[in-house]
């Protein structure tokens, strides 16, 4: 008795070659050679890669914050009612970065109270 693959080939059906499957190994973006600027550009080109509700567009890159640093990306949803403050960091997140992200969010929220943040 022939195998299903052999029988299909005998009937003229094109049979794909066997696929080799390997175990996935997690790799950090940093280990893969990705930089924050590359990641920021990649998200800016296609904000849909972020798990946010609805369609979003980039309002501004490297938005200067008064008495603070620069917000990596400011996004807005397609309704124009919601804004997302995006701060990127490769590697381990430390407390100062978390605080800076909250500060950027708070500055945007106070500056633009008509939007949901």
PDB file of N, CA and C in Angstrom:
ATOM      1  N   UNK A   1       0.845  -1.168   0.000  1.00  0.00           N
ATOM      2  CA  UNK A   1       0.000   0.000   0.000  1.00  0.00           C
ATOM      3  C   UNK A   1       0.894   1.236   0.000  1.00  0.00           C
ATOM      4  N   UNK A   2       0.551   2.221  -0.838  1.00  0.00           N
ATOM      5  CA  UNK A   2       1.377   3.422  -0.930  1.00  0.00           C
ATOM      6  C   UNK A   2       0.916   4.467   0.081  1.00  0.00           C
ATOM      7  N   UNK A   3       1.813   5.397   0.407  1.00  0.00           N
ATOM      8  CA  UNK A   3       1.488   6.460   1.358  1.00  0.00           C
ATOM      9  C   UNK A   3       0.582   7.485   0.675  1.00  0.00           C
ATOM     10  N   UNK A   4      -0.147   8.290   1.460  1.00  0.00           N
ATOM     11  CA  UNK A   4      -1.001   9.328   0.864  1.00  0.00           C
ATOM     12  C   UNK A   4      -0.216  10.276  -0.029  1.00  0.00           C
ATOM     13  N   UNK A   5       1.020  10.582   0.352  1.00  0.00           N
ATOM     14  CA  UNK A   5       1.847  11.486  -0.446  1.00  0.00           C
ATOM     15  C   UNK A   5       2.179  10.853  -1.787  1.00  0.00           C
ATOM     16  N   UNK A   6       2.563   9.580  -1.773  1.00  0.00           N
ATOM     17  CA  UNK A   6       2.896   8.872  -3.007  1.00  0.00           C
ATOM     18  C   UNK A   6       1.666   8.743  -3.890  1.00  0.00           C
ATOM     19  N   UNK A   7       0.530   8.416  -3.313  1.00  0.00           N
ATOM     20  CA  UNK A   7      -0.713   8.271  -4.080  1.00  0.00           C
ATOM     21  C   UNK A   7      -1.095   9.592  -4.729  1.00  0.00           C
ATOM     22  N   UNK A   8      -0.962  10.693  -4.004  1.00  0.00           N
ATOM     23  CA  UNK A   8      -1.293  12.007  -4.563  1.00  0.00           C
ATOM     24  C   UNK A   8      -0.361  12.326  -5.711  1.00  0.00           C
ATOM     25  N   UNK A   9       0.926  12.031  -5.560  1.00  0.00           N
ATOM     26  CA  UNK A   9       1.900  12.312  -6.612  1.00  0.00           C
ATOM     27  C   UNK A   9       1.605  11.472  -7.853  1.00  0.00           C
ATOM     28  N   UNK A  10       1.174  10.239  -7.653  1.00  0.00           N
ATOM     29  CA  UNK A  10       0.848   9.361  -8.778  1.00  0.00           C
ATOM     30  C   UNK A  10      -0.358   9.875  -9.555  1.00  0.00           C
ATOM     31  N   UNK A  11      -1.239  10.622  -8.882  1.00  0.00           N
ATOM     32  CA  UNK A  11      -2.424  11.180  -9.535  1.00  0.00           C
ATOM     33  C   UNK A  11      -2.143  12.549 -10.156  1.00  0.00           C
ATOM     34  N   UNK A  12      -0.907  12.968 -10.126  1.00  0.00           N
ATOM     35  CA  UNK A  12      -0.539  14.239 -10.736  1.00  0.00           C
ATOM     36  C   UNK A  12      -0.714  15.444  -9.827  1.00  0.00           C
ATOM     37  N   UNK A  13      -1.005  15.203  -8.552  1.00  0.00           N
ATOM     38  CA  UNK A  13      -1.158  16.308  -7.603  1.00  0.00           C
ATOM     39  C   UNK A  13       0.228  16.732  -7.153  1.00  0.00           C
ATOM     40  N   UNK A  14       0.458  18.058  -7.204  1.00  0.00           N
ATOM     41  CA  UNK A  14       1.753  18.564  -6.767  1.00  0.00           C
ATOM     42  C   UNK A  14       1.798  18.529  -5.240  1.00  0.00           C
ATOM     43  N   UNK A  15       2.759  17.806  -4.707  1.00  0.00           N
ATOM     44  CA  UNK A  15       2.883  17.628  -3.268  1.00  0.00           C
ATOM     45  C   UNK A  15       4.054  18.492  -2.781  1.00  0.00           C
ATOM     46  N   UNK A  16       3.786  19.367  -1.794  1.00  0.00           N
ATOM     47  CA  UNK A  16       4.883  20.212  -1.300  1.00  0.00           C
ATOM     48  C   UNK A  16       5.930  19.383  -0.573  1.00  0.00           C
ATOM     49  N   UNK A  17       7.136  19.908  -0.600  1.00  0.00           N
ATOM     50  CA  UNK A  17       8.218  19.241   0.125  1.00  0.00           C
ATOM     51  C   UNK A  17       7.929  19.360   1.616  1.00  0.00           C
ATOM     52  N   UNK A  18       8.420  18.417   2.395  1.00  0.00           N
ATOM     53  CA  UNK A  18       8.205  18.491   3.850  1.00  0.00           C
ATOM     54  C   UNK A  18       8.792  19.789   4.420  1.00  0.00           C
ATOM     55  N   UNK A  19       8.093  20.347   5.363  1.00  0.00           N
ATOM     56  CA  UNK A  19       8.532  21.571   6.012  1.00  0.00           C
ATOM     57  C   UNK A  19       9.270  21.200   7.281  1.00  0.00           C
ATOM     58  N   UNK A  20      10.434  21.812   7.461  1.00  0.00           N
ATOM     59  CA  UNK A  20      11.197  21.557   8.677  1.00  0.00           C
ATOM     60  C   UNK A  20      10.757  22.570   9.733  1.00  0.00           C
ATOM     61  N   UNK A  21      10.327  22.062  10.868  1.00  0.00           N
ATOM     62  CA  UNK A  21       9.862  22.903  11.960  1.00  0.00           C
ATOM     63  C   UNK A  21      10.902  22.874  13.063  1.00  0.00           C
ATOM     64  N   UNK A  22      11.237  24.060  13.566  1.00  0.00           N
ATOM     65  CA  UNK A  22      12.192  24.137  14.666  1.00  0.00           C
ATOM     66  C   UNK A  22      11.555  24.864  15.832  1.00  0.00           C
ATOM     67  N   UNK A  23      12.108  24.667  16.990  1.00  0.00           N
ATOM     68  CA  UNK A  23      11.602  25.313  18.192  1.00  0.00           C
ATOM     69  C   UNK A  23      12.008  26.785  18.183  1.00  0.00           C
ATOM     70  N   UNK A  24      11.057  27.664  18.453  1.00  0.00           N
ATOM     71  CA  UNK A  24      11.333  29.099  18.509  1.00  0.00           C
ATOM     72  C   UNK A  24      12.114  29.434  19.770  1.00  0.00           C
ATOM     73  N   UNK A  25      13.025  30.355  19.633  1.00  0.00           N
ATOM     74  CA  UNK A  25      13.825  30.813  20.765  1.00  0.00           C
ATOM     75  C   UNK A  25      13.573  32.307  20.919  1.00  0.00           C
ATOM     76  N   UNK A  26      13.072  32.734  22.084  1.00  0.00           N
ATOM     77  CA  UNK A  26      12.822  34.169  22.271  1.00  0.00           C
ATOM     78  C   UNK A  26      14.125  34.972  22.175  1.00  0.00           C
ATOM     79  N   UNK A  27      14.049  36.094  21.474  1.00  0.00           N
ATOM     80  CA  UNK A  27      15.185  36.992  21.332  1.00  0.00           C
ATOM     81  C   UNK A  27      14.668  38.397  21.584  1.00  0.00           C
ATOM     82  N   UNK A  28      15.365  39.146  22.422  1.00  0.00           N
ATOM     83  CA  UNK A  28      14.934  40.519  22.673  1.00  0.00           C
ATOM     84  C   UNK A  28      15.221  41.365  21.436  1.00  0.00           C
ATOM     85  N   UNK A  29      14.481  42.451  21.291  1.00  0.00           N
ATOM     86  CA  UNK A  29      14.719  43.349  20.159  1.00  0.00           C
ATOM     87  C   UNK A  29      16.141  43.893  20.203  1.00  0.00           C
ATOM     88  N   UNK A  30      16.608  44.183  21.393  1.00  0.00           N
ATOM     89  CA  UNK A  30      17.956  44.709  21.556  1.00  0.00           C
ATOM     90  C   UNK A  30      18.993  43.692  21.083  1.00  0.00           C
ATOM     91  N   UNK A  31      18.805  42.417  21.448  1.00  0.00           N
ATOM     92  CA  UNK A  31      19.715  41.353  21.013  1.00  0.00           C
ATOM     93  C   UNK A  31      19.679  41.166  19.498  1.00  0.00           C
ATOM     94  N   UNK A  32      18.541  41.491  18.897  1.00  0.00           N
ATOM     95  CA  UNK A  32      18.388  41.353  17.444  1.00  0.00           C
ATOM     96  C   UNK A  32      18.978  42.545  16.696  1.00  0.00           C
ATOM     97  N   UNK A  33      19.517  43.523  17.433  1.00  0.00           N
ATOM     98  CA  UNK A  33      20.148  44.664  16.791  1.00  0.00           C
ATOM     99  C   UNK A  33      19.205  45.817  16.487  1.00  0.00           C
ATOM    100  N   UNK A  34      18.006  45.771  17.047  1.00  0.00           N
ATOM    101  CA  UNK A  34      17.027  46.831  16.822  1.00  0.00           C
ATOM    102  C   UNK A  34      17.362  48.012  17.726  1.00  0.00           C
ATOM    103  N   UNK A  35      17.251  49.228  17.182  1.00  0.00           N
ATOM    104  CA  UNK A  35      17.463  50.430  17.977  1.00  0.00           C
ATOM    105  C   UNK A  35      16.116  51.090  18.264  1.00  0.00           C
ATOM    106  N   UNK A  36      16.088  51.962  19.261  1.00  0.00           N
ATOM    107  CA  UNK A  36      14.840  52.676  19.565  1.00  0.00           C
ATOM    108  C   UNK A  36      14.394  53.527  18.388  1.00  0.00           C
ATOM    109  N   UNK A  37      15.329  54.158  17.693  1.00  0.00           N
ATOM    110  CA  UNK A  37      14.942  54.998  16.556  1.00  0.00           C
ATOM    111  C   UNK A  37      14.345  54.148  15.426  1.00  0.00           C
ATOM    112  N   UNK A  38      14.889  52.945  15.199  1.00  0.00           N
ATOM    113  CA  UNK A  38      14.314  52.056  14.189  1.00  0.00           C
ATOM    114  C   UNK A  38      12.897  51.652  14.594  1.00  0.00           C
ATOM    115  N   UNK A  39      12.737  51.290  15.863  1.00  0.00           N
ATOM    116  CA  UNK A  39      11.424  50.869  16.351  1.00  0.00           C
ATOM    117  C   UNK A  39      10.424  52.011  16.246  1.00  0.00           C
ATOM    118  N   UNK A  40      10.833  53.210  16.619  1.00  0.00           N
ATOM    119  CA  UNK A  40       9.954  54.377  16.514  1.00  0.00           C
ATOM    120  C   UNK A  40       9.527  54.607  15.062  1.00  0.00           C
ATOM    121  N   UNK A  41      10.459  54.529  14.134  1.00  0.00           N
ATOM    122  CA  UNK A  41      10.133  54.700  12.708  1.00  0.00           C
ATOM    123  C   UNK A  41       9.188  53.609  12.226  1.00  0.00           C
ATOM    124  N   UNK A  42       9.436  52.375  12.672  1.00  0.00           N
ATOM    125  CA  UNK A  42       8.605  51.241  12.262  1.00  0.00           C
ATOM    126  C   UNK A  42       7.166  51.411  12.769  1.00  0.00           C
ATOM    127  N   UNK A  43       7.013  51.841  14.010  1.00  0.00           N
ATOM    128  CA  UNK A  43       5.673  52.083  14.559  1.00  0.00           C
ATOM    129  C   UNK A  43       5.023  53.258  13.844  1.00  0.00           C
ATOM    130  N   UNK A  44       5.792  54.313  13.578  1.00  0.00           N
ATOM    131  CA  UNK A  44       5.252  55.484  12.882  1.00  0.00           C
ATOM    132  C   UNK A  44       4.753  55.113  11.488  1.00  0.00           C
ATOM    133  N   UNK A  45       5.472  54.225  10.802  1.00  0.00           N
ATOM    134  CA  UNK A  45       5.060  53.788   9.461  1.00  0.00           C
ATOM    135  C   UNK A  45       3.822  52.912   9.494  1.00  0.00           C
ATOM    136  N   UNK A  46       3.632  52.185  10.596  1.00  0.00           N
ATOM    137  CA  UNK A  46       2.502  51.261  10.703  1.00  0.00           C
ATOM    138  C   UNK A  46       2.035  51.175  12.154  1.00  0.00           C
ATOM    139  N   UNK A  47       1.315  52.212  12.644  1.00  0.00           N
ATOM    140  CA  UNK A  47       0.887  52.207  14.046  1.00  0.00           C
ATOM    141  C   UNK A  47      -0.053  51.049  14.398  1.00  0.00           C
ATOM    142  N   UNK A  48      -0.616  50.391  13.394  1.00  0.00           N
ATOM    143  CA  UNK A  48      -1.520  49.264  13.650  1.00  0.00           C
ATOM    144  C   UNK A  48      -0.813  48.089  14.314  1.00  0.00           C
ATOM    145  N   UNK A  49       0.515  48.097  14.339  1.00  0.00           N
ATOM    146  CA  UNK A  49       1.219  46.996  15.007  1.00  0.00           C
ATOM    147  C   UNK A  49       1.072  47.074  16.521  1.00  0.00           C
ATOM    148  N   UNK A  50       0.660  48.230  17.036  1.00  0.00           N
ATOM    149  CA  UNK A  50       0.401  48.359  18.468  1.00  0.00           C
ATOM    150  C   UNK A  50      -1.014  47.874  18.771  1.00  0.00           C
ATOM    151  N   UNK A  51      -1.213  47.205  19.887  1.00  0.00           N
ATOM    152  CA  UNK A  51      -2.547  46.679  20.210  1.00  0.00           C
ATOM    153  C   UNK A  51      -3.470  47.757  20.789  1.00  0.00           C
ATOM    154  N   UNK A  52      -3.827  48.740  19.961  1.00  0.00           N
ATOM    155  CA  UNK A  52      -4.702  49.826  20.389  1.00  0.00           C
ATOM    156  C   UNK A  52      -6.049  49.681  19.708  1.00  0.00           C
ATOM    157  N   UNK A  53      -7.075  50.283  20.297  1.00  0.00           N
ATOM    158  CA  UNK A  53      -8.422  50.210  19.723  1.00  0.00           C
ATOM    159  C   UNK A  53      -8.511  51.052  18.460  1.00  0.00           C
ATOM    160  N   UNK A  54      -9.092  50.488  17.408  1.00  0.00           N
ATOM    161  CA  UNK A  54      -9.327  51.235  16.179  1.00  0.00           C
ATOM    162  C   UNK A  54      -8.046  51.604  15.450  1.00  0.00           C
ATOM    163  N   UNK A  55      -8.229  52.430  14.419  1.00  0.00           N
ATOM    164  CA  UNK A  55      -7.090  52.903  13.640  1.00  0.00           C
ATOM    165  C   UNK A  55      -6.489  54.128  14.313  1.00  0.00           C
ATOM    166  N   UNK A  56      -5.188  54.207  14.315  1.00  0.00           N
ATOM    167  CA  UNK A  56      -4.505  55.355  14.901  1.00  0.00           C
ATOM    168  C   UNK A  56      -3.518  55.929  13.888  1.00  0.00           C
ATOM    169  N   UNK A  57      -3.250  57.216  14.031  1.00  0.00           N
ATOM    170  CA  UNK A  57      -2.265  57.869  13.174  1.00  0.00           C
ATOM    171  C   UNK A  57      -1.290  58.633  14.053  1.00  0.00           C
ATOM    172  N   UNK A  58      -0.125  58.916  13.500  1.00  0.00           N
ATOM    173  CA  UNK A  58       0.909  59.649  14.226  1.00  0.00           C
ATOM    174  C   UNK A  58       0.613  61.142  14.129  1.00  0.00           C
ATOM    175  N   UNK A  59       0.576  61.787  15.277  1.00  0.00           N
ATOM    176  CA  UNK A  59       0.416  63.238  15.342  1.00  0.00           C
ATOM    177  C   UNK A  59       1.797  63.890  15.330  1.00  0.00           C
ATOM    178  N   UNK A  60       2.734  63.320  16.084  1.00  0.00           N
ATOM    179  CA  UNK A  60       4.063  63.927  16.172  1.00  0.00           C
ATOM    180  C   UNK A  60       5.099  62.920  16.666  1.00  0.00           C
ATOM    181  N   UNK A  61       6.330  63.061  16.138  1.00  0.00           N
ATOM    182  CA  UNK A  61       7.507  62.305  16.606  1.00  0.00           C
ATOM    183  C   UNK A  61       8.303  63.212  17.524  1.00  0.00           C
ATOM    184  N   UNK A  62       8.927  62.629  18.523  1.00  0.00           N
ATOM    185  CA  UNK A  62       9.849  63.369  19.390  1.00  0.00           C
ATOM    186  C   UNK A  62       9.252  64.709  19.835  1.00  0.00           C
ATOM    187  N   UNK A  63       8.056  64.638  20.364  1.00  0.00           N
ATOM    188  CA  UNK A  63       7.328  65.837  20.811  1.00  0.00           C
ATOM    189  C   UNK A  63       7.992  66.400  22.069  1.00  0.00           C
ATOM    190  N   UNK A  64       8.406  67.643  21.979  1.00  0.00           N
ATOM    191  CA  UNK A  64       9.076  68.308  23.096  1.00  0.00           C
ATOM    192  C   UNK A  64       8.076  68.571  24.215  1.00  0.00           C
ATOM    193  N   UNK A  65       8.452  68.189  25.425  1.00  0.00           N
ATOM    194  CA  UNK A  65       7.610  68.391  26.595  1.00  0.00           C
ATOM    195  C   UNK A  65       8.200  69.521  27.438  1.00  0.00           C
ATOM    196  N   UNK A  66       7.364  70.483  27.811  1.00  0.00           N
ATOM    197  CA  UNK A  66       7.837  71.607  28.616  1.00  0.00           C
ATOM    198  C   UNK A  66       8.399  71.103  29.941  1.00  0.00           C
ATOM    199  N   UNK A  67       9.606  71.545  30.260  1.00  0.00           N
ATOM    200  CA  UNK A  67      10.304  71.177  31.495  1.00  0.00           C
ATOM    201  C   UNK A  67      10.476  69.658  31.644  1.00  0.00           C
ATOM    202  N   UNK A  68      10.543  68.985  30.511  1.00  0.00           N
ATOM    203  CA  UNK A  68      10.745  67.537  30.512  1.00  0.00           C
ATOM    204  C   UNK A  68      11.550  67.187  29.259  1.00  0.00           C
ATOM    205  N   UNK A  69      11.522  65.952  28.841  1.00  0.00           N
ATOM    206  CA  UNK A  69      12.272  65.521  27.664  1.00  0.00           C
ATOM    207  C   UNK A  69      11.423  65.544  26.411  1.00  0.00           C
ATOM    208  N   UNK A  70      11.525  64.478  25.648  1.00  0.00           N
ATOM    209  CA  UNK A  70      10.779  64.358  24.396  1.00  0.00           C
ATOM    210  C   UNK A  70       9.963  63.062  24.415  1.00  0.00           C
ATOM    211  N   UNK A  71       8.697  63.201  24.122  1.00  0.00           N
ATOM    212  CA  UNK A  71       7.806  62.052  23.980  1.00  0.00           C
ATOM    213  C   UNK A  71       8.114  61.399  22.638  1.00  0.00           C
ATOM    214  N   UNK A  72       8.332  60.091  22.620  1.00  0.00           N
ATOM    215  CA  UNK A  72       8.716  59.424  21.369  1.00  0.00           C
ATOM    216  C   UNK A  72       7.659  59.579  20.284  1.00  0.00           C
ATOM    217  N   UNK A  73       6.420  59.223  20.592  1.00  0.00           N
ATOM    218  CA  UNK A  73       5.345  59.317  19.603  1.00  0.00           C
ATOM    219  C   UNK A  73       4.055  59.761  20.270  1.00  0.00           C
ATOM    220  N   UNK A  74       3.322  60.617  19.591  1.00  0.00           N
ATOM    221  CA  UNK A  74       1.975  60.967  20.004  1.00  0.00           C
ATOM    222  C   UNK A  74       1.047  60.472  18.909  1.00  0.00           C
ATOM    223  N   UNK A  75       0.117  59.590  19.276  1.00  0.00           N
ATOM    224  CA  UNK A  75      -0.820  58.997  18.322  1.00  0.00           C
ATOM    225  C   UNK A  75      -2.231  59.478  18.628  1.00  0.00           C
ATOM    226  N   UNK A  76      -3.078  59.433  17.604  1.00  0.00           N
ATOM    227  CA  UNK A  76      -4.486  59.812  17.776  1.00  0.00           C
ATOM    228  C   UNK A  76      -5.348  58.792  17.062  1.00  0.00           C
ATOM    229  N   UNK A  77      -6.496  58.444  17.653  1.00  0.00           N
ATOM    230  CA  UNK A  77      -7.383  57.480  17.010  1.00  0.00           C
ATOM    231  C   UNK A  77      -8.139  58.142  15.869  1.00  0.00           C
ATOM    232  N   UNK A  78      -8.791  57.310  15.046  1.00  0.00           N
ATOM    233  CA  UNK A  78      -9.457  57.831  13.854  1.00  0.00           C
ATOM    234  C   UNK A  78     -10.661  58.722  14.158  1.00  0.00           C
ATOM    235  N   UNK A  79     -11.197  58.651  15.368  1.00  0.00           N
ATOM    236  CA  UNK A  79     -12.316  59.532  15.728  1.00  0.00           C
ATOM    237  C   UNK A  79     -11.814  60.920  16.118  1.00  0.00           C
ATOM    238  N   UNK A  80     -10.525  61.019  16.440  1.00  0.00           N
ATOM    239  CA  UNK A  80      -9.957  62.285  16.870  1.00  0.00           C
ATOM    240  C   UNK A  80     -10.239  62.604  18.331  1.00  0.00           C
ATOM    241  N   UNK A  81     -10.801  61.641  19.066  1.00  0.00           N
ATOM    242  CA  UNK A  81     -11.156  61.863  20.469  1.00  0.00           C
ATOM    243  C   UNK A  81     -10.125  61.338  21.465  1.00  0.00           C
ATOM    244  N   UNK A  82      -9.303  60.375  21.028  1.00  0.00           N
ATOM    245  CA  UNK A  82      -8.357  59.716  21.926  1.00  0.00           C
ATOM    246  C   UNK A  82      -6.937  59.940  21.452  1.00  0.00           C
ATOM    247  N   UNK A  83      -6.058  60.172  22.401  1.00  0.00           N
ATOM    248  CA  UNK A  83      -4.639  60.279  22.089  1.00  0.00           C
ATOM    249  C   UNK A  83      -3.852  59.280  22.915  1.00  0.00           C
ATOM    250  N   UNK A  84      -2.789  58.793  22.321  1.00  0.00           N
ATOM    251  CA  UNK A  84      -1.922  57.819  22.978  1.00  0.00           C
ATOM    252  C   UNK A  84      -0.505  58.374  23.032  1.00  0.00           C
ATOM    253  N   UNK A  85       0.058  58.425  24.225  1.00  0.00           N
ATOM    254  CA  UNK A  85       1.428  58.847  24.406  1.00  0.00           C
ATOM    255  C   UNK A  85       2.294  57.590  24.435  1.00  0.00           C
ATOM    256  N   UNK A  86       3.234  57.496  23.501  1.00  0.00           N
ATOM    257  CA  UNK A  86       4.055  56.296  23.365  1.00  0.00           C
ATOM    258  C   UNK A  86       5.504  56.645  23.693  1.00  0.00           C
ATOM    259  N   UNK A  87       6.029  55.988  24.707  1.00  0.00           N
ATOM    260  CA  UNK A  87       7.418  56.176  25.113  1.00  0.00           C
ATOM    261  C   UNK A  87       8.101  54.816  24.993  1.00  0.00           C
ATOM    262  N   UNK A  88       9.157  54.743  24.216  1.00  0.00           N
ATOM    263  CA  UNK A  88       9.837  53.482  23.934  1.00  0.00           C
ATOM    264  C   UNK A  88      11.105  53.344  24.764  1.00  0.00           C
ATOM    265  N   UNK A  89      11.409  52.103  25.098  1.00  0.00           N
ATOM    266  CA  UNK A  89      12.676  51.808  25.778  1.00  0.00           C
ATOM    267  C   UNK A  89      13.028  50.355  25.510  1.00  0.00           C
ATOM    268  N   UNK A  90      14.208  50.142  24.985  1.00  0.00           N
ATOM    269  CA  UNK A  90      14.690  48.778  24.786  1.00  0.00           C
ATOM    270  C   UNK A  90      15.423  48.346  26.042  1.00  0.00           C
ATOM    271  N   UNK A  91      15.344  47.094  26.352  1.00  0.00           N
ATOM    272  CA  UNK A  91      15.997  46.595  27.558  1.00  0.00           C
ATOM    273  C   UNK A  91      15.055  46.677  28.743  1.00  0.00           C
ATOM    274  N   UNK A  92      15.626  46.507  29.906  1.00  0.00           N
ATOM    275  CA  UNK A  92      14.815  46.511  31.122  1.00  0.00           C
ATOM    276  C   UNK A  92      14.311  47.911  31.440  1.00  0.00           C
ATOM    277  N   UNK A  93      13.058  47.996  31.819  1.00  0.00           N
ATOM    278  CA  UNK A  93      12.469  49.273  32.212  1.00  0.00           C
ATOM    279  C   UNK A  93      12.861  49.565  33.645  1.00  0.00           C
ATOM    280  N   UNK A  94      13.303  50.809  33.861  1.00  0.00           N
ATOM    281  CA  UNK A  94      13.649  51.195  35.224  1.00  0.00           C
ATOM    282  C   UNK A  94      12.625  52.209  35.740  1.00  0.00           C
ATOM    283  N   UNK A  95      12.675  52.474  37.031  1.00  0.00           N
ATOM    284  CA  UNK A  95      11.692  53.356  37.675  1.00  0.00           C
ATOM    285  C   UNK A  95      11.695  54.752  37.062  1.00  0.00           C
ATOM    286  N   UNK A  96      12.865  55.282  36.721  1.00  0.00           N
ATOM    287  CA  UNK A  96      12.916  56.642  36.167  1.00  0.00           C
ATOM    288  C   UNK A  96      12.203  56.723  34.820  1.00  0.00           C
ATOM    289  N   UNK A  97      12.268  55.656  34.041  1.00  0.00           N
ATOM    290  CA  UNK A  97      11.588  55.651  32.746  1.00  0.00           C
ATOM    291  C   UNK A  97      10.072  55.589  32.929  1.00  0.00           C
ATOM    292  N   UNK A  98       9.621  54.819  33.882  1.00  0.00           N
ATOM    293  CA  UNK A  98       8.190  54.735  34.174  1.00  0.00           C
ATOM    294  C   UNK A  98       7.679  56.105  34.627  1.00  0.00           C
ATOM    295  N   UNK A  99       8.421  56.751  35.510  1.00  0.00           N
ATOM    296  CA  UNK A  99       8.028  58.081  35.996  1.00  0.00           C
ATOM    297  C   UNK A  99       8.000  59.082  34.849  1.00  0.00           C
ATOM    298  N   UNK A 100       9.012  59.052  33.992  1.00  0.00           N
ATOM    299  CA  UNK A 100       9.053  59.956  32.831  1.00  0.00           C
ATOM    300  C   UNK A 100       7.847  59.727  31.922  1.00  0.00           C
ATOM    301  N   UNK A 101       7.475  58.473  31.695  1.00  0.00           N
ATOM    302  CA  UNK A 101       6.303  58.171  30.860  1.00  0.00           C
ATOM    303  C   UNK A 101       5.030  58.746  31.462  1.00  0.00           C
ATOM    304  N   UNK A 102       4.881  58.612  32.768  1.00  0.00           N
ATOM    305  CA  UNK A 102       3.701  59.166  33.459  1.00  0.00           C
ATOM    306  C   UNK A 102       3.715  60.686  33.376  1.00  0.00           C
ATOM    307  N   UNK A 103       4.887  61.292  33.505  1.00  0.00           N
ATOM    308  CA  UNK A 103       4.986  62.751  33.383  1.00  0.00           C
ATOM    309  C   UNK A 103       4.559  63.215  31.995  1.00  0.00           C
ATOM    310  N   UNK A 104       5.010  62.528  30.942  1.00  0.00           N
ATOM    311  CA  UNK A 104       4.629  62.896  29.575  1.00  0.00           C
ATOM    312  C   UNK A 104       3.114  62.784  29.398  1.00  0.00           C
ATOM    313  N   UNK A 105       2.552  61.691  29.905  1.00  0.00           N
ATOM    314  CA  UNK A 105       1.107  61.499  29.823  1.00  0.00           C
ATOM    315  C   UNK A 105       0.379  62.629  30.545  1.00  0.00           C
ATOM    316  N   UNK A 106       0.843  62.978  31.743  1.00  0.00           N
ATOM    317  CA  UNK A 106       0.205  64.016  32.540  1.00  0.00           C
ATOM    318  C   UNK A 106       0.308  65.386  31.863  1.00  0.00           C
ATOM    319  N   UNK A 107       1.455  65.690  31.281  1.00  0.00           N
ATOM    320  CA  UNK A 107       1.618  66.958  30.565  1.00  0.00           C
ATOM    321  C   UNK A 107       0.635  67.036  29.408  1.00  0.00           C
ATOM    322  N   UNK A 108       0.536  65.986  28.613  1.00  0.00           N
ATOM    323  CA  UNK A 108      -0.399  65.967  27.470  1.00  0.00           C
ATOM    324  C   UNK A 108      -1.845  66.069  27.946  1.00  0.00           C
ATOM    325  N   UNK A 109      -2.164  65.358  29.026  1.00  0.00           N
ATOM    326  CA  UNK A 109      -3.533  65.356  29.555  1.00  0.00           C
ATOM    327  C   UNK A 109      -3.930  66.754  30.033  1.00  0.00           C
ATOM    328  N   UNK A 110      -3.015  67.442  30.715  1.00  0.00           N
ATOM    329  CA  UNK A 110      -3.313  68.789  31.209  1.00  0.00           C
ATOM    330  C   UNK A 110      -3.314  69.822  30.079  1.00  0.00           C
ATOM    331  N   UNK A 111      -2.430  69.648  29.087  1.00  0.00           N
ATOM    332  CA  UNK A 111      -2.360  70.581  27.973  1.00  0.00           C
ATOM    333  C   UNK A 111      -3.555  70.446  27.037  1.00  0.00           C
ATOM    334  N   UNK A 112      -4.014  69.240  26.830  1.00  0.00           N
ATOM    335  CA  UNK A 112      -5.112  68.944  25.904  1.00  0.00           C
ATOM    336  C   UNK A 112      -6.232  68.184  26.626  1.00  0.00           C
ATOM    337  N   UNK A 113      -6.975  68.849  27.525  1.00  0.00           N
ATOM    338  CA  UNK A 113      -8.003  68.151  28.316  1.00  0.00           C
ATOM    339  C   UNK A 113      -9.218  67.698  27.498  1.00  0.00           C
ATOM    340  N   UNK A 114      -9.356  68.178  26.284  1.00  0.00           N
ATOM    341  CA  UNK A 114     -10.493  67.779  25.446  1.00  0.00           C
ATOM    342  C   UNK A 114     -10.372  66.395  24.846  1.00  0.00           C
ATOM    343  N   UNK A 115      -9.213  65.765  25.013  1.00  0.00           N
ATOM    344  CA  UNK A 115      -8.974  64.414  24.481  1.00  0.00           C
ATOM    345  C   UNK A 115      -8.950  63.418  25.627  1.00  0.00           C
ATOM    346  N   UNK A 116      -9.338  62.201  25.329  1.00  0.00           N
ATOM    347  CA  UNK A 116      -9.114  61.094  26.269  1.00  0.00           C
ATOM    348  C   UNK A 116      -7.682  60.641  26.070  1.00  0.00           C
ATOM    349  N   UNK A 117      -6.939  60.440  27.145  1.00  0.00           N
ATOM    350  CA  UNK A 117      -5.525  60.054  27.052  1.00  0.00           C
ATOM    351  C   UNK A 117      -5.322  58.695  27.694  1.00  0.00           C
TER     352      UNK A 117
END
